[in-house]
Amino acid sequence: MDEIAARSLAKWPNVPAVFGWLALDRRGNWRIKGERIGNRALRDYIARNYEADARGRWFFQNGPQRVYVSLAYTPLVAHYAGETLFDQCGRPFTTREAFQDDEGSVLLLGERGVALLDDRELARFSEQMHPDLPVIRRADAAMRFGFVAEPAPDA
């Protein structure tokens, strides 16, 4: 978390969280109310302050306020840069296990959690990995990997 976000959180600890504004699409793009965020500095700020709470709800810590993220699928999206996989936050992604879902998407389990492989990388990935990946149901992914795709306020 950025130092400025940590300081403001300490100064104003009871700012209400925001739900339904920020989303992550299947290609790792951040979206505010459906519109792709084009500003590089804002995307980088979100990426540096993106994490999960104890319940598996992913959020962006925007100063003292948590902005929960609606996920099109998984909380991380992986893509290649050169020979290395990276998540949408720009961090190297080391795959511990790989799965294919019942829709043909590839999920990668790494240290920070599960990532959807960007669909533009499927051909390259299939050339490098064993073709017989374990198959899981997409409907079971959130529970299996411990994330919440549509965070909601506490009841």
N, C-alpha and C. Protein backbone atom coordinates (compact mmCIF):
# COMPACT_ATOMS: atom_id res chain seq x y z
N MET A 1 0.85 -1.18 0.00
CA MET A 1 0.00 0.00 0.00
C MET A 1 0.89 1.23 0.00
N ASP A 2 0.51 2.23 -0.79
CA ASP A 2 1.25 3.49 -0.82
C ASP A 2 1.25 4.13 0.57
N GLU A 3 2.32 4.79 0.91
CA GLU A 3 2.45 5.46 2.20
C GLU A 3 1.34 6.50 2.39
N ILE A 4 1.02 7.24 1.36
CA ILE A 4 -0.02 8.26 1.47
C ILE A 4 -1.38 7.63 1.78
N ALA A 5 -1.66 6.46 1.18
CA ALA A 5 -2.92 5.76 1.47
C ALA A 5 -2.94 5.27 2.92
N ALA A 6 -1.81 4.73 3.38
CA ALA A 6 -1.73 4.23 4.76
C ALA A 6 -1.91 5.37 5.76
N ARG A 7 -1.29 6.52 5.50
CA ARG A 7 -1.43 7.67 6.42
C ARG A 7 -2.87 8.18 6.46
N SER A 8 -3.50 8.27 5.30
CA SER A 8 -4.88 8.78 5.29
C SER A 8 -5.83 7.79 5.94
N LEU A 9 -5.56 6.49 5.79
CA LEU A 9 -6.38 5.48 6.44
C LEU A 9 -6.28 5.59 7.96
N ALA A 10 -5.06 5.84 8.45
CA ALA A 10 -4.87 6.01 9.90
C ALA A 10 -5.56 7.27 10.40
N LYS A 11 -5.56 8.31 9.58
CA LYS A 11 -6.16 9.59 9.97
C LYS A 11 -7.70 9.54 9.94
N TRP A 12 -8.26 8.84 8.94
CA TRP A 12 -9.72 8.73 8.80
C TRP A 12 -10.11 7.25 8.69
N PRO A 13 -10.16 6.52 9.79
CA PRO A 13 -10.37 5.06 9.73
C PRO A 13 -11.80 4.62 9.42
N ASN A 14 -12.77 5.50 9.50
CA ASN A 14 -14.17 5.08 9.37
C ASN A 14 -14.86 5.58 8.12
N VAL A 15 -14.13 5.76 7.04
CA VAL A 15 -14.73 6.19 5.78
C VAL A 15 -15.47 4.99 5.18
N PRO A 16 -16.72 5.16 4.78
CA PRO A 16 -17.48 4.03 4.23
C PRO A 16 -16.86 3.49 2.94
N ALA A 17 -16.96 2.19 2.75
CA ALA A 17 -16.45 1.55 1.53
C ALA A 17 -17.38 1.83 0.36
N VAL A 18 -16.84 1.67 -0.84
CA VAL A 18 -17.59 1.88 -2.08
C VAL A 18 -17.73 0.53 -2.79
N PHE A 19 -18.92 0.27 -3.29
CA PHE A 19 -19.21 -0.96 -4.03
C PHE A 19 -19.84 -0.60 -5.36
N GLY A 20 -19.55 -1.38 -6.39
CA GLY A 20 -20.23 -1.22 -7.67
C GLY A 20 -19.68 -0.19 -8.62
N TRP A 21 -18.55 0.43 -8.31
CA TRP A 21 -17.99 1.45 -9.18
C TRP A 21 -16.80 0.96 -9.98
N LEU A 22 -15.94 0.18 -9.36
CA LEU A 22 -14.70 -0.25 -9.99
C LEU A 22 -14.80 -1.72 -10.36
N ALA A 23 -14.33 -2.05 -11.57
CA ALA A 23 -14.37 -3.44 -12.05
C ALA A 23 -13.06 -3.81 -12.72
N LEU A 24 -12.81 -5.10 -12.77
CA LEU A 24 -11.67 -5.66 -13.49
C LEU A 24 -12.22 -6.58 -14.56
N ASP A 25 -11.89 -6.31 -15.83
CA ASP A 25 -12.43 -7.15 -16.90
C ASP A 25 -11.54 -8.37 -17.16
N ARG A 26 -11.93 -9.20 -18.10
CA ARG A 26 -11.23 -10.46 -18.37
C ARG A 26 -9.86 -10.27 -19.01
N ARG A 27 -9.54 -9.08 -19.42
CA ARG A 27 -8.22 -8.81 -20.01
C ARG A 27 -7.35 -7.96 -19.09
N GLY A 28 -7.80 -7.75 -17.85
CA GLY A 28 -6.98 -7.02 -16.88
C GLY A 28 -7.12 -5.52 -16.94
N ASN A 29 -8.17 -5.03 -17.57
CA ASN A 29 -8.42 -3.59 -17.63
C ASN A 29 -9.27 -3.16 -16.44
N TRP A 30 -8.88 -2.05 -15.83
CA TRP A 30 -9.69 -1.45 -14.77
C TRP A 30 -10.78 -0.63 -15.43
N ARG A 31 -11.99 -0.68 -14.88
CA ARG A 31 -13.12 0.06 -15.44
C ARG A 31 -13.88 0.75 -14.30
N ILE A 32 -14.22 2.01 -14.53
CA ILE A 32 -15.08 2.75 -13.60
C ILE A 32 -16.43 2.90 -14.29
N LYS A 33 -17.44 2.33 -13.66
CA LYS A 33 -18.82 2.36 -14.20
C LYS A 33 -18.83 1.96 -15.68
N GLY A 34 -18.07 0.91 -16.01
CA GLY A 34 -18.06 0.35 -17.36
C GLY A 34 -17.07 0.97 -18.33
N GLU A 35 -16.53 2.12 -17.98
CA GLU A 35 -15.59 2.81 -18.87
C GLU A 35 -14.15 2.44 -18.51
N ARG A 36 -13.38 2.03 -19.51
CA ARG A 36 -11.99 1.66 -19.29
C ARG A 36 -11.19 2.88 -18.81
N ILE A 37 -10.37 2.67 -17.78
CA ILE A 37 -9.53 3.74 -17.26
C ILE A 37 -8.32 3.88 -18.17
N GLY A 38 -8.20 5.03 -18.79
CA GLY A 38 -7.11 5.28 -19.71
C GLY A 38 -5.91 5.97 -19.08
N ASN A 39 -6.11 6.62 -17.96
CA ASN A 39 -5.05 7.38 -17.32
C ASN A 39 -4.03 6.43 -16.69
N ARG A 40 -2.81 6.45 -17.20
CA ARG A 40 -1.76 5.53 -16.74
C ARG A 40 -1.45 5.70 -15.26
N ALA A 41 -1.36 6.94 -14.79
CA ALA A 41 -1.03 7.19 -13.38
C ALA A 41 -2.11 6.61 -12.47
N LEU A 42 -3.37 6.73 -12.84
CA LEU A 42 -4.47 6.18 -12.04
C LEU A 42 -4.42 4.65 -12.06
N ARG A 43 -4.19 4.05 -13.22
CA ARG A 43 -4.09 2.58 -13.29
C ARG A 43 -2.95 2.09 -12.41
N ASP A 44 -1.81 2.78 -12.44
CA ASP A 44 -0.67 2.38 -11.61
C ASP A 44 -0.98 2.52 -10.13
N TYR A 45 -1.67 3.59 -9.76
CA TYR A 45 -2.05 3.81 -8.36
C TYR A 45 -2.99 2.70 -7.87
N ILE A 46 -3.96 2.34 -8.69
CA ILE A 46 -4.87 1.25 -8.34
C ILE A 46 -4.07 -0.04 -8.16
N ALA A 47 -3.18 -0.32 -9.10
CA ALA A 47 -2.40 -1.57 -9.06
C ALA A 47 -1.54 -1.65 -7.80
N ARG A 48 -0.95 -0.55 -7.38
CA ARG A 48 -0.10 -0.55 -6.18
C ARG A 48 -0.90 -0.75 -4.90
N ASN A 49 -2.17 -0.45 -4.94
CA ASN A 49 -3.00 -0.47 -3.74
C ASN A 49 -4.15 -1.47 -3.85
N TYR A 50 -3.93 -2.55 -4.59
CA TYR A 50 -4.93 -3.57 -4.85
C TYR A 50 -4.60 -4.80 -4.01
N GLU A 51 -5.57 -5.24 -3.22
CA GLU A 51 -5.37 -6.41 -2.36
C GLU A 51 -6.72 -6.99 -1.96
N ALA A 52 -6.69 -8.06 -1.20
CA ALA A 52 -7.93 -8.73 -0.77
C ALA A 52 -8.10 -8.61 0.73
N ASP A 53 -9.36 -8.57 1.16
CA ASP A 53 -9.63 -8.62 2.60
C ASP A 53 -9.72 -10.09 3.03
N ALA A 54 -9.98 -10.31 4.29
CA ALA A 54 -10.00 -11.67 4.85
C ALA A 54 -11.12 -12.53 4.28
N ARG A 55 -12.13 -11.91 3.69
CA ARG A 55 -13.27 -12.65 3.12
C ARG A 55 -13.09 -12.96 1.64
N GLY A 56 -11.97 -12.54 1.05
CA GLY A 56 -11.72 -12.79 -0.37
C GLY A 56 -12.32 -11.74 -1.29
N ARG A 57 -12.69 -10.59 -0.72
CA ARG A 57 -13.20 -9.49 -1.54
C ARG A 57 -11.99 -8.60 -1.90
N TRP A 58 -11.75 -8.42 -3.17
CA TRP A 58 -10.61 -7.62 -3.63
C TRP A 58 -11.02 -6.15 -3.70
N PHE A 59 -10.08 -5.29 -3.33
CA PHE A 59 -10.37 -3.86 -3.27
C PHE A 59 -9.14 -3.04 -3.63
N PHE A 60 -9.39 -1.79 -3.91
CA PHE A 60 -8.37 -0.78 -4.14
C PHE A 60 -8.47 0.18 -2.96
N GLN A 61 -7.36 0.35 -2.23
CA GLN A 61 -7.34 1.27 -1.09
C GLN A 61 -7.06 2.67 -1.62
N ASN A 62 -8.10 3.48 -1.71
CA ASN A 62 -8.01 4.84 -2.24
C ASN A 62 -7.97 5.81 -1.06
N GLY A 63 -6.77 6.05 -0.57
CA GLY A 63 -6.65 6.86 0.64
C GLY A 63 -7.34 6.14 1.78
N PRO A 64 -8.26 6.81 2.47
CA PRO A 64 -8.93 6.16 3.60
C PRO A 64 -10.11 5.26 3.19
N GLN A 65 -10.42 5.22 1.91
CA GLN A 65 -11.61 4.51 1.46
C GLN A 65 -11.27 3.24 0.66
N ARG A 66 -11.94 2.15 1.01
CA ARG A 66 -11.82 0.93 0.23
C ARG A 66 -12.83 0.97 -0.91
N VAL A 67 -12.34 0.72 -2.10
CA VAL A 67 -13.20 0.64 -3.27
C VAL A 67 -13.17 -0.81 -3.73
N TYR A 68 -14.25 -1.54 -3.45
CA TYR A 68 -14.30 -2.95 -3.78
C TYR A 68 -14.47 -3.14 -5.28
N VAL A 69 -13.84 -4.18 -5.81
CA VAL A 69 -13.76 -4.42 -7.24
C VAL A 69 -14.68 -5.57 -7.64
N SER A 70 -15.52 -5.31 -8.64
CA SER A 70 -16.33 -6.36 -9.25
C SER A 70 -15.44 -7.06 -10.27
N LEU A 71 -15.40 -8.38 -10.20
CA LEU A 71 -14.50 -9.16 -11.05
C LEU A 71 -15.27 -9.83 -12.18
N ALA A 72 -14.81 -9.63 -13.41
CA ALA A 72 -15.42 -10.32 -14.54
C ALA A 72 -15.20 -11.82 -14.44
N TYR A 73 -14.09 -12.21 -13.78
CA TYR A 73 -13.84 -13.63 -13.52
C TYR A 73 -12.96 -13.75 -12.28
N THR A 74 -11.66 -13.63 -12.42
CA THR A 74 -10.73 -13.83 -11.30
C THR A 74 -10.15 -12.49 -10.83
N PRO A 75 -9.55 -12.45 -9.64
CA PRO A 75 -8.99 -11.19 -9.14
C PRO A 75 -7.69 -10.78 -9.81
N LEU A 76 -7.06 -11.69 -10.53
CA LEU A 76 -5.83 -11.39 -11.24
C LEU A 76 -5.99 -11.85 -12.69
N VAL A 77 -5.32 -11.15 -13.59
CA VAL A 77 -5.31 -11.52 -15.01
C VAL A 77 -3.85 -11.55 -15.43
N ALA A 78 -3.43 -12.67 -16.02
CA ALA A 78 -2.02 -12.85 -16.39
C ALA A 78 -1.83 -12.67 -17.90
N HIS A 79 -0.68 -12.10 -18.23
CA HIS A 79 -0.29 -11.93 -19.64
C HIS A 79 1.23 -12.02 -19.73
N TYR A 80 1.72 -12.28 -20.92
CA TYR A 80 3.15 -12.36 -21.14
C TYR A 80 3.72 -10.99 -21.50
N ALA A 81 4.93 -10.73 -21.00
CA ALA A 81 5.78 -9.64 -21.45
C ALA A 81 7.14 -10.29 -21.65
N GLY A 82 7.53 -10.45 -22.88
CA GLY A 82 8.72 -11.22 -23.16
C GLY A 82 8.45 -12.68 -22.84
N GLU A 83 9.31 -13.28 -22.04
CA GLU A 83 9.16 -14.69 -21.66
C GLU A 83 8.50 -14.87 -20.30
N THR A 84 8.13 -13.77 -19.64
CA THR A 84 7.64 -13.82 -18.27
C THR A 84 6.15 -13.49 -18.21
N LEU A 85 5.43 -14.21 -17.35
CA LEU A 85 4.04 -13.87 -17.07
C LEU A 85 3.99 -12.77 -16.01
N PHE A 86 3.08 -11.82 -16.20
CA PHE A 86 2.83 -10.75 -15.24
C PHE A 86 1.34 -10.67 -14.98
N ASP A 87 0.97 -10.18 -13.78
CA ASP A 87 -0.45 -9.92 -13.53
C ASP A 87 -0.77 -8.50 -14.00
N GLN A 88 -2.03 -8.12 -13.92
CA GLN A 88 -2.45 -6.81 -14.42
C GLN A 88 -1.88 -5.65 -13.61
N CYS A 89 -1.31 -5.95 -12.45
CA CYS A 89 -0.69 -4.93 -11.62
C CYS A 89 0.79 -4.74 -11.98
N GLY A 90 1.29 -5.54 -12.92
CA GLY A 90 2.67 -5.42 -13.35
C GLY A 90 3.65 -6.25 -12.55
N ARG A 91 3.15 -7.13 -11.69
CA ARG A 91 4.02 -7.98 -10.87
C ARG A 91 4.25 -9.31 -11.59
N PRO A 92 5.49 -9.84 -11.54
CA PRO A 92 5.73 -11.16 -12.12
C PRO A 92 4.80 -12.19 -11.49
N PHE A 93 4.31 -13.10 -12.32
CA PHE A 93 3.37 -14.12 -11.86
C PHE A 93 4.00 -15.49 -12.10
N THR A 94 4.29 -16.20 -11.02
CA THR A 94 4.84 -17.55 -11.09
C THR A 94 3.72 -18.55 -10.88
N THR A 95 3.53 -19.40 -11.86
CA THR A 95 2.45 -20.39 -11.82
C THR A 95 2.85 -21.62 -11.02
N ARG A 96 2.02 -21.97 -10.03
CA ARG A 96 2.22 -23.20 -9.26
C ARG A 96 1.39 -24.34 -9.84
N GLU A 97 0.17 -24.00 -10.29
CA GLU A 97 -0.73 -24.98 -10.91
C GLU A 97 -1.51 -24.29 -12.01
N ALA A 98 -1.92 -25.07 -13.00
CA ALA A 98 -2.75 -24.53 -14.09
C ALA A 98 -3.98 -25.42 -14.25
N PHE A 99 -5.08 -24.80 -14.64
CA PHE A 99 -6.35 -25.49 -14.82
C PHE A 99 -7.01 -24.96 -16.09
N GLN A 100 -7.89 -25.76 -16.63
CA GLN A 100 -8.74 -25.29 -17.72
C GLN A 100 -10.17 -25.36 -17.22
N ASP A 101 -10.96 -24.32 -17.50
CA ASP A 101 -12.35 -24.40 -17.06
C ASP A 101 -13.21 -25.01 -18.17
N ASP A 102 -14.46 -25.24 -17.85
CA ASP A 102 -15.37 -25.90 -18.78
C ASP A 102 -15.75 -25.02 -19.97
N GLU A 103 -15.27 -23.77 -19.99
CA GLU A 103 -15.50 -22.87 -21.13
C GLU A 103 -14.25 -22.70 -21.98
N GLY A 104 -13.14 -23.36 -21.58
CA GLY A 104 -11.90 -23.28 -22.35
C GLY A 104 -10.91 -22.24 -21.86
N SER A 105 -11.23 -21.51 -20.81
CA SER A 105 -10.30 -20.53 -20.25
C SER A 105 -9.25 -21.24 -19.40
N VAL A 106 -8.08 -20.62 -19.28
CA VAL A 106 -7.01 -21.18 -18.47
C VAL A 106 -6.88 -20.35 -17.20
N LEU A 107 -6.86 -21.03 -16.06
CA LEU A 107 -6.66 -20.38 -14.76
C LEU A 107 -5.30 -20.81 -14.23
N LEU A 108 -4.59 -19.85 -13.66
CA LEU A 108 -3.26 -20.09 -13.13
C LEU A 108 -3.26 -19.78 -11.65
N LEU A 109 -2.78 -20.70 -10.86
CA LEU A 109 -2.69 -20.48 -9.42
C LEU A 109 -1.26 -20.07 -9.09
N GLY A 110 -1.12 -18.93 -8.44
CA GLY A 110 0.19 -18.42 -8.06
C GLY A 110 0.22 -17.99 -6.61
N GLU A 111 1.28 -17.38 -6.21
CA GLU A 111 1.48 -16.97 -4.81
C GLU A 111 0.41 -16.00 -4.31
N ARG A 112 0.00 -15.05 -5.13
CA ARG A 112 -0.97 -14.04 -4.71
C ARG A 112 -2.42 -14.47 -4.92
N GLY A 113 -2.61 -15.58 -5.61
CA GLY A 113 -3.97 -16.03 -5.86
C GLY A 113 -4.12 -16.59 -7.26
N VAL A 114 -5.36 -16.63 -7.72
CA VAL A 114 -5.65 -17.22 -9.02
C VAL A 114 -5.78 -16.13 -10.07
N ALA A 115 -5.26 -16.42 -11.26
CA ALA A 115 -5.32 -15.49 -12.38
C ALA A 115 -5.96 -16.17 -13.57
N LEU A 116 -6.73 -15.41 -14.30
CA LEU A 116 -7.21 -15.83 -15.60
C LEU A 116 -6.13 -15.48 -16.60
N LEU A 117 -5.76 -16.41 -17.45
CA LEU A 117 -4.82 -16.10 -18.52
C LEU A 117 -5.56 -15.30 -19.58
N ASP A 118 -5.03 -14.14 -19.92
CA ASP A 118 -5.60 -13.29 -20.98
C ASP A 118 -5.83 -14.17 -22.21
N ASP A 119 -7.01 -14.11 -22.79
CA ASP A 119 -7.33 -15.00 -23.92
C ASP A 119 -6.40 -14.81 -25.11
N ARG A 120 -5.76 -13.67 -25.23
CA ARG A 120 -4.82 -13.45 -26.34
C ARG A 120 -3.52 -14.23 -26.15
N GLU A 121 -3.34 -14.83 -24.96
CA GLU A 121 -2.12 -15.59 -24.65
C GLU A 121 -2.33 -17.10 -24.71
N LEU A 122 -3.53 -17.56 -25.03
CA LEU A 122 -3.84 -18.99 -24.98
C LEU A 122 -2.96 -19.82 -25.91
N ALA A 123 -2.75 -19.37 -27.14
CA ALA A 123 -1.94 -20.15 -28.08
C ALA A 123 -0.51 -20.28 -27.57
N ARG A 124 0.06 -19.20 -27.12
CA ARG A 124 1.43 -19.24 -26.60
C ARG A 124 1.53 -20.15 -25.38
N PHE A 125 0.58 -20.05 -24.48
CA PHE A 125 0.58 -20.87 -23.28
C PHE A 125 0.47 -22.35 -23.63
N SER A 126 -0.40 -22.68 -24.57
CA SER A 126 -0.60 -24.09 -24.92
C SER A 126 0.65 -24.69 -25.56
N GLU A 127 1.48 -23.88 -26.20
CA GLU A 127 2.73 -24.37 -26.77
C GLU A 127 3.76 -24.68 -25.69
N GLN A 128 3.66 -24.01 -24.54
CA GLN A 128 4.65 -24.15 -23.48
C GLN A 128 4.24 -25.11 -22.36
N MET A 129 2.96 -25.39 -22.23
CA MET A 129 2.48 -26.19 -21.10
C MET A 129 1.94 -27.53 -21.59
N HIS A 130 1.83 -28.45 -20.66
CA HIS A 130 1.24 -29.75 -20.94
C HIS A 130 -0.22 -29.56 -21.33
N PRO A 131 -0.66 -30.23 -22.39
CA PRO A 131 -2.03 -29.99 -22.88
C PRO A 131 -3.14 -30.58 -22.00
N ASP A 132 -2.81 -31.49 -21.10
CA ASP A 132 -3.84 -32.15 -20.30
C ASP A 132 -3.99 -31.49 -18.93
N LEU A 133 -4.55 -30.30 -18.93
CA LEU A 133 -4.76 -29.59 -17.67
C LEU A 133 -6.00 -30.14 -16.96
N PRO A 134 -5.99 -30.16 -15.63
CA PRO A 134 -7.21 -30.54 -14.90
C PRO A 134 -8.35 -29.58 -15.25
N VAL A 135 -9.53 -30.11 -15.42
CA VAL A 135 -10.69 -29.29 -15.79
C VAL A 135 -11.52 -28.99 -14.54
N ILE A 136 -11.89 -27.72 -14.40
CA ILE A 136 -12.78 -27.30 -13.32
C ILE A 136 -13.98 -26.57 -13.93
N ARG A 137 -15.03 -26.46 -13.17
CA ARG A 137 -16.21 -25.71 -13.63
C ARG A 137 -16.01 -24.23 -13.31
N ARG A 138 -16.32 -23.39 -14.25
CA ARG A 138 -16.21 -21.95 -14.00
C ARG A 138 -17.06 -21.55 -12.81
N ALA A 139 -18.23 -22.13 -12.69
CA ALA A 139 -19.14 -21.80 -11.60
C ALA A 139 -18.54 -22.10 -10.23
N ASP A 140 -17.55 -22.98 -10.18
CA ASP A 140 -16.92 -23.36 -8.91
C ASP A 140 -15.64 -22.59 -8.59
N ALA A 141 -15.16 -21.78 -9.52
CA ALA A 141 -13.84 -21.14 -9.38
C ALA A 141 -13.75 -20.23 -8.15
N ALA A 142 -14.73 -19.37 -7.94
CA ALA A 142 -14.66 -18.44 -6.82
C ALA A 142 -14.56 -19.17 -5.48
N MET A 143 -15.38 -20.18 -5.29
CA MET A 143 -15.33 -20.92 -4.03
C MET A 143 -14.03 -21.71 -3.91
N ARG A 144 -13.63 -22.35 -4.98
CA ARG A 144 -12.42 -23.17 -4.95
C ARG A 144 -11.17 -22.34 -4.63
N PHE A 145 -11.10 -21.12 -5.20
CA PHE A 145 -9.89 -20.30 -5.04
C PHE A 145 -10.06 -19.17 -4.03
N GLY A 146 -11.21 -19.09 -3.38
CA GLY A 146 -11.40 -18.18 -2.26
C GLY A 146 -11.49 -16.70 -2.58
N PHE A 147 -12.24 -16.36 -3.62
CA PHE A 147 -12.45 -14.95 -3.92
C PHE A 147 -13.94 -14.68 -4.13
N VAL A 148 -14.31 -13.41 -4.02
CA VAL A 148 -15.69 -12.98 -4.20
C VAL A 148 -15.75 -12.14 -5.47
N ALA A 149 -16.50 -12.61 -6.46
CA ALA A 149 -16.55 -11.91 -7.74
C ALA A 149 -17.37 -10.62 -7.67
N GLU A 150 -18.43 -10.61 -6.89
CA GLU A 150 -19.28 -9.41 -6.73
C GLU A 150 -19.37 -9.04 -5.26
N PRO A 151 -18.39 -8.29 -4.77
CA PRO A 151 -18.42 -7.90 -3.36
C PRO A 151 -19.65 -7.06 -3.04
N ALA A 152 -20.14 -7.24 -1.84
CA ALA A 152 -21.30 -6.49 -1.37
C ALA A 152 -21.03 -6.03 0.06
N PRO A 153 -21.70 -4.95 0.47
CA PRO A 153 -21.51 -4.51 1.86
C PRO A 153 -21.94 -5.59 2.85
N ASP A 154 -21.36 -5.53 4.02
CA ASP A 154 -21.77 -6.46 5.07
C ASP A 154 -23.24 -6.25 5.40
N ALA A 155 -23.91 -7.33 5.67
CA ALA A 155 -25.36 -7.25 5.97
C ALA A 155 -25.58 -6.67 7.35
